């Protein structure tokens, strides 16, 4: 089973992917940010990112979490997509709280050496919140072009819980 967990920054992608990975430890969780970043938030060369993503999605099973930029290359290999699309106030709260929760630490889904610093993270968060229409449009357009894909578009926790249950049932049928 190959699942993409996508959405805008602060949507809860990493959290959900970790939850799914804990429920099915036999299915590897891949963070797109881990493929994209070196230390100190420096982006790796585009060709290296694409090569590593291509190699990762060639596997039989995975949970791939990341923003809409991974969709063009990964969608054609996926069985299902969970699009996390929470209310903007929830995203804003998460983006506000996250740098303080992880201050001077690297989040588990990132390569070592990418510590959160509130001032820098708030600049990024503001850009992300202002780009909400761009995120939604990009995801919607990418998903609209793919046929035969299971899609869970989740705006609430109840919808996420329903998607998790459905994914676990589907993954059990395709070991």
C-alpha atoms as a PDB file:
ATOM      1  CA  UNK A   1       0.000   0.000   0.000  1.00  0.00           C
ATOM      2  CA  UNK A   2       1.424   3.364  -1.056  1.00  0.00           C
ATOM      3  CA  UNK A   3      -0.107   6.380   0.660  1.00  0.00           C
ATOM      4  CA  UNK A   4       0.626  10.088   0.252  1.00  0.00           C
ATOM      5  CA  UNK A   5      -0.220  12.368   3.175  1.00  0.00           C
ATOM      6  CA  UNK A   6      -0.291  15.922   1.851  1.00  0.00           C
ATOM      7  CA  UNK A   7      -1.487  19.384   2.758  1.00  0.00           C
ATOM      8  CA  UNK A   8      -0.206  22.831   3.544  1.00  0.00           C
ATOM      9  CA  UNK A   9       2.326  23.619   6.268  1.00  0.00           C
ATOM     10  CA  UNK A  10       0.801  23.074   9.696  1.00  0.00           C
ATOM     11  CA  UNK A  11      -1.905  20.733   8.396  1.00  0.00           C
ATOM     12  CA  UNK A  12      -0.623  17.810  10.499  1.00  0.00           C
ATOM     13  CA  UNK A  13       1.084  15.731   7.799  1.00  0.00           C
ATOM     14  CA  UNK A  14       4.077  14.608   9.860  1.00  0.00           C
ATOM     15  CA  UNK A  15       1.900  13.837  12.868  1.00  0.00           C
ATOM     16  CA  UNK A  16      -0.514  11.701  10.834  1.00  0.00           C
ATOM     17  CA  UNK A  17       2.286   9.913   8.974  1.00  0.00           C
ATOM     18  CA  UNK A  18       3.964   9.066  12.299  1.00  0.00           C
ATOM     19  CA  UNK A  19       0.628   7.795  13.651  1.00  0.00           C
ATOM     20  CA  UNK A  20       0.127   5.582  10.600  1.00  0.00           C
ATOM     21  CA  UNK A  21       3.718   4.365  10.786  1.00  0.00           C
ATOM     22  CA  UNK A  22       3.232   3.388  14.430  1.00  0.00           C
ATOM     23  CA  UNK A  23       0.087   1.458  13.489  1.00  0.00           C
ATOM     24  CA  UNK A  24       1.871  -0.296  10.615  1.00  0.00           C
ATOM     25  CA  UNK A  25       5.599  -0.351  11.434  1.00  0.00           C
ATOM     26  CA  UNK A  26       6.163  -2.667   8.448  1.00  0.00           C
ATOM     27  CA  UNK A  27       5.374   0.233   6.083  1.00  0.00           C
ATOM     28  CA  UNK A  28       8.154   2.838   5.963  1.00  0.00           C
ATOM     29  CA  UNK A  29       7.359   6.509   6.519  1.00  0.00           C
ATOM     30  CA  UNK A  30       9.166   8.889   4.171  1.00  0.00           C
ATOM     31  CA  UNK A  31       9.347  12.601   4.891  1.00  0.00           C
ATOM     32  CA  UNK A  32       9.695  14.676   1.741  1.00  0.00           C
ATOM     33  CA  UNK A  33      11.377  17.381   3.833  1.00  0.00           C
ATOM     34  CA  UNK A  34      14.007  14.826   4.862  1.00  0.00           C
ATOM     35  CA  UNK A  35      14.717  14.210   1.179  1.00  0.00           C
ATOM     36  CA  UNK A  36      14.850  17.942   0.408  1.00  0.00           C
ATOM     37  CA  UNK A  37      17.019  19.294   3.211  1.00  0.00           C
ATOM     38  CA  UNK A  38      20.651  19.314   4.253  1.00  0.00           C
ATOM     39  CA  UNK A  39      21.680  20.957   7.552  1.00  0.00           C
ATOM     40  CA  UNK A  40      20.603  24.467   8.559  1.00  0.00           C
ATOM     41  CA  UNK A  41      17.501  24.410   6.345  1.00  0.00           C
ATOM     42  CA  UNK A  42      19.614  24.386   3.164  1.00  0.00           C
ATOM     43  CA  UNK A  43      17.862  22.700   0.273  1.00  0.00           C
ATOM     44  CA  UNK A  44      19.640  19.883  -1.528  1.00  0.00           C
ATOM     45  CA  UNK A  45      20.133  20.106  -5.310  1.00  0.00           C
ATOM     46  CA  UNK A  46      16.877  19.516  -7.208  1.00  0.00           C
ATOM     47  CA  UNK A  47      18.318  16.584  -9.158  1.00  0.00           C
ATOM     48  CA  UNK A  48      19.322  14.825  -5.909  1.00  0.00           C
ATOM     49  CA  UNK A  49      15.859  15.345  -4.444  1.00  0.00           C
ATOM     50  CA  UNK A  50      14.182  13.944  -7.548  1.00  0.00           C
ATOM     51  CA  UNK A  51      16.522  10.939  -7.659  1.00  0.00           C
ATOM     52  CA  UNK A  52      15.942  10.108  -3.991  1.00  0.00           C
ATOM     53  CA  UNK A  53      12.178  10.557  -4.315  1.00  0.00           C
ATOM     54  CA  UNK A  54      12.101   8.350  -7.407  1.00  0.00           C
ATOM     55  CA  UNK A  55      14.016   5.647  -5.543  1.00  0.00           C
ATOM     56  CA  UNK A  56      11.755   5.903  -2.477  1.00  0.00           C
ATOM     57  CA  UNK A  57       8.486   5.659  -4.410  1.00  0.00           C
ATOM     58  CA  UNK A  58       9.685   2.644  -6.388  1.00  0.00           C
ATOM     59  CA  UNK A  59       9.194   0.540  -3.243  1.00  0.00           C
ATOM     60  CA  UNK A  60       6.195  -1.764  -2.839  1.00  0.00           C
ATOM     61  CA  UNK A  61       4.790   0.062   0.203  1.00  0.00           C
ATOM     62  CA  UNK A  62       5.288   3.450   1.825  1.00  0.00           C
ATOM     63  CA  UNK A  63       3.707   6.391   3.584  1.00  0.00           C
ATOM     64  CA  UNK A  64       5.029   9.563   1.974  1.00  0.00           C
ATOM     65  CA  UNK A  65       4.317  12.845   3.708  1.00  0.00           C
ATOM     66  CA  UNK A  66       4.902  16.270   2.281  1.00  0.00           C
ATOM     67  CA  UNK A  67       3.481  19.324   0.590  1.00  0.00           C
ATOM     68  CA  UNK A  68       2.060  19.604  -2.904  1.00  0.00           C
ATOM     69  CA  UNK A  69       5.451  19.837  -4.619  1.00  0.00           C
ATOM     70  CA  UNK A  70       5.874  16.048  -4.297  1.00  0.00           C
ATOM     71  CA  UNK A  71       2.592  15.278  -6.055  1.00  0.00           C
ATOM     72  CA  UNK A  72       3.666  15.512  -9.723  1.00  0.00           C
ATOM     73  CA  UNK A  73       6.268  12.796  -9.302  1.00  0.00           C
ATOM     74  CA  UNK A  74       4.625  10.646  -6.597  1.00  0.00           C
ATOM     75  CA  UNK A  75       0.926  10.540  -7.501  1.00  0.00           C
ATOM     76  CA  UNK A  76       1.303   8.091 -10.364  1.00  0.00           C
ATOM     77  CA  UNK A  77       2.835   5.580  -7.928  1.00  0.00           C
ATOM     78  CA  UNK A  78       0.325   6.018  -5.085  1.00  0.00           C
ATOM     79  CA  UNK A  79      -2.684   3.898  -4.216  1.00  0.00           C
ATOM     80  CA  UNK A  80      -4.246   6.523  -1.971  1.00  0.00           C
ATOM     81  CA  UNK A  81      -3.931  10.129  -0.810  1.00  0.00           C
ATOM     82  CA  UNK A  82      -4.922  11.729   2.450  1.00  0.00           C
ATOM     83  CA  UNK A  83      -5.278  15.473   1.915  1.00  0.00           C
ATOM     84  CA  UNK A  84      -5.203  17.246   5.255  1.00  0.00           C
ATOM     85  CA  UNK A  85      -7.062  20.529   4.908  1.00  0.00           C
ATOM     86  CA  UNK A  86      -7.825  21.861   8.410  1.00  0.00           C
ATOM     87  CA  UNK A  87      -9.333  25.284   9.083  1.00  0.00           C
ATOM     88  CA  UNK A  88      -6.828  28.123   8.687  1.00  0.00           C
ATOM     89  CA  UNK A  89      -7.045  29.113  12.358  1.00  0.00           C
ATOM     90  CA  UNK A  90      -5.897  25.613  13.346  1.00  0.00           C
ATOM     91  CA  UNK A  91      -2.987  25.733  10.896  1.00  0.00           C
ATOM     92  CA  UNK A  92      -2.060  29.193  12.201  1.00  0.00           C
ATOM     93  CA  UNK A  93      -2.095  27.944  15.794  1.00  0.00           C
ATOM     94  CA  UNK A  94       0.081  24.943  14.931  1.00  0.00           C
ATOM     95  CA  UNK A  95       2.547  27.103  13.005  1.00  0.00           C
ATOM     96  CA  UNK A  96       2.679  29.517  15.943  1.00  0.00           C
ATOM     97  CA  UNK A  97       3.218  26.803  18.566  1.00  0.00           C
ATOM     98  CA  UNK A  98       5.560  24.470  16.660  1.00  0.00           C
ATOM     99  CA  UNK A  99       8.770  26.548  16.877  1.00  0.00           C
ATOM    100  CA  UNK A 100       8.383  26.861  20.641  1.00  0.00           C
ATOM    101  CA  UNK A 101       7.647  23.170  21.113  1.00  0.00           C
ATOM    102  CA  UNK A 102      10.772  22.301  19.129  1.00  0.00           C
ATOM    103  CA  UNK A 103      12.934  25.330  19.972  1.00  0.00           C
ATOM    104  CA  UNK A 104      16.588  24.571  19.326  1.00  0.00           C
ATOM    105  CA  UNK A 105      15.746  20.967  18.393  1.00  0.00           C
ATOM    106  CA  UNK A 106      15.322  19.148  15.113  1.00  0.00           C
ATOM    107  CA  UNK A 107      11.854  17.694  14.580  1.00  0.00           C
ATOM    108  CA  UNK A 108      11.809  13.886  14.138  1.00  0.00           C
ATOM    109  CA  UNK A 109      10.825  14.054  10.462  1.00  0.00           C
ATOM    110  CA  UNK A 110      13.744  16.314   9.498  1.00  0.00           C
ATOM    111  CA  UNK A 111      17.437  15.600   8.969  1.00  0.00           C
ATOM    112  CA  UNK A 112      19.639  16.418  11.953  1.00  0.00           C
ATOM    113  CA  UNK A 113      20.828  20.013  12.081  1.00  0.00           C
ATOM    114  CA  UNK A 114      17.530  21.687  11.130  1.00  0.00           C
ATOM    115  CA  UNK A 115      16.655  23.196  14.475  1.00  0.00           C
ATOM    116  CA  UNK A 116      13.530  25.285  14.950  1.00  0.00           C
ATOM    117  CA  UNK A 117      14.099  28.921  15.832  1.00  0.00           C
ATOM    118  CA  UNK A 118      10.898  30.921  16.364  1.00  0.00           C
ATOM    119  CA  UNK A 119      11.942  34.091  14.497  1.00  0.00           C
ATOM    120  CA  UNK A 120      12.928  32.195  11.334  1.00  0.00           C
ATOM    121  CA  UNK A 121      10.004  29.797  11.545  1.00  0.00           C
ATOM    122  CA  UNK A 122       7.509  32.653  11.885  1.00  0.00           C
ATOM    123  CA  UNK A 123       8.688  34.207   8.623  1.00  0.00           C
ATOM    124  CA  UNK A 124       8.134  30.846   6.949  1.00  0.00           C
ATOM    125  CA  UNK A 125       4.752  30.378   8.685  1.00  0.00           C
ATOM    126  CA  UNK A 126       3.497  33.768   7.551  1.00  0.00           C
ATOM    127  CA  UNK A 127       4.446  33.039   3.931  1.00  0.00           C
ATOM    128  CA  UNK A 128       2.704  29.672   4.194  1.00  0.00           C
ATOM    129  CA  UNK A 129      -0.498  31.131   5.629  1.00  0.00           C
ATOM    130  CA  UNK A 130      -0.596  33.836   2.970  1.00  0.00           C
ATOM    131  CA  UNK A 131      -0.205  31.169   0.259  1.00  0.00           C
ATOM    132  CA  UNK A 132      -3.222  29.120   1.380  1.00  0.00           C
ATOM    133  CA  UNK A 133      -5.057  29.489  -1.942  1.00  0.00           C
ATOM    134  CA  UNK A 134      -1.931  28.433  -3.840  1.00  0.00           C
ATOM    135  CA  UNK A 135      -1.617  25.274  -1.711  1.00  0.00           C
ATOM    136  CA  UNK A 136      -5.282  24.345  -2.134  1.00  0.00           C
ATOM    137  CA  UNK A 137      -5.295  25.060  -5.865  1.00  0.00           C
ATOM    138  CA  UNK A 138      -2.083  23.075  -6.434  1.00  0.00           C
ATOM    139  CA  UNK A 139      -3.309  20.046  -4.526  1.00  0.00           C
ATOM    140  CA  UNK A 140      -6.781  20.173  -6.041  1.00  0.00           C
ATOM    141  CA  UNK A 141      -5.430  20.457  -9.594  1.00  0.00           C
ATOM    142  CA  UNK A 142      -2.946  17.626  -9.071  1.00  0.00           C
ATOM    143  CA  UNK A 143      -5.559  15.313  -7.584  1.00  0.00           C
ATOM    144  CA  UNK A 144      -8.121  16.186 -10.251  1.00  0.00           C
ATOM    145  CA  UNK A 145      -5.869  14.755 -12.953  1.00  0.00           C
ATOM    146  CA  UNK A 146      -5.507  11.296 -11.412  1.00  0.00           C
ATOM    147  CA  UNK A 147      -7.976   8.447 -11.848  1.00  0.00           C
ATOM    148  CA  UNK A 148      -8.351   5.271  -9.801  1.00  0.00           C
ATOM    149  CA  UNK A 149      -6.900   6.759  -6.643  1.00  0.00           C
ATOM    150  CA  UNK A 150      -8.497   6.535  -3.210  1.00  0.00           C
ATOM    151  CA  UNK A 151      -8.753  10.044  -1.784  1.00  0.00           C
ATOM    152  CA  UNK A 152      -9.540  11.115   1.751  1.00  0.00           C
ATOM    153  CA  UNK A 153      -9.982  14.901   1.957  1.00  0.00           C
ATOM    154  CA  UNK A 154      -9.919  15.599   5.696  1.00  0.00           C
ATOM    155  CA  UNK A 155     -10.879  18.885   7.327  1.00  0.00           C
ATOM    156  CA  UNK A 156     -11.763  17.533  10.792  1.00  0.00           C
ATOM    157  CA  UNK A 157     -10.315  15.063  13.279  1.00  0.00           C
ATOM    158  CA  UNK A 158     -13.331  12.796  12.760  1.00  0.00           C
ATOM    159  CA  UNK A 159     -12.584  12.677   9.024  1.00  0.00           C
ATOM    160  CA  UNK A 160      -8.937  11.869   9.763  1.00  0.00           C
ATOM    161  CA  UNK A 161      -9.957   9.049  12.108  1.00  0.00           C
ATOM    162  CA  UNK A 162     -12.281   7.648   9.419  1.00  0.00           C
ATOM    163  CA  UNK A 163      -9.465   7.822   6.843  1.00  0.00           C
ATOM    164  CA  UNK A 164      -7.046   6.068   9.211  1.00  0.00           C
ATOM    165  CA  UNK A 165      -9.518   3.246   9.762  1.00  0.00           C
ATOM    166  CA  UNK A 166     -10.189   2.895   6.019  1.00  0.00           C
ATOM    167  CA  UNK A 167      -6.460   2.967   5.215  1.00  0.00           C
ATOM    168  CA  UNK A 168      -5.701   0.297   7.827  1.00  0.00           C
ATOM    169  CA  UNK A 169      -8.391  -1.929   6.313  1.00  0.00           C
ATOM    170  CA  UNK A 170      -7.040  -1.368   2.780  1.00  0.00           C
ATOM    171  CA  UNK A 171      -3.430  -1.904   3.882  1.00  0.00           C
ATOM    172  CA  UNK A 172      -4.393  -5.181   5.575  1.00  0.00           C
ATOM    173  CA  UNK A 173      -5.700  -6.456   2.217  1.00  0.00           C
ATOM    174  CA  UNK A 174      -2.417  -5.586   0.452  1.00  0.00           C
ATOM    175  CA  UNK A 175       0.412  -6.747   2.726  1.00  0.00           C
END
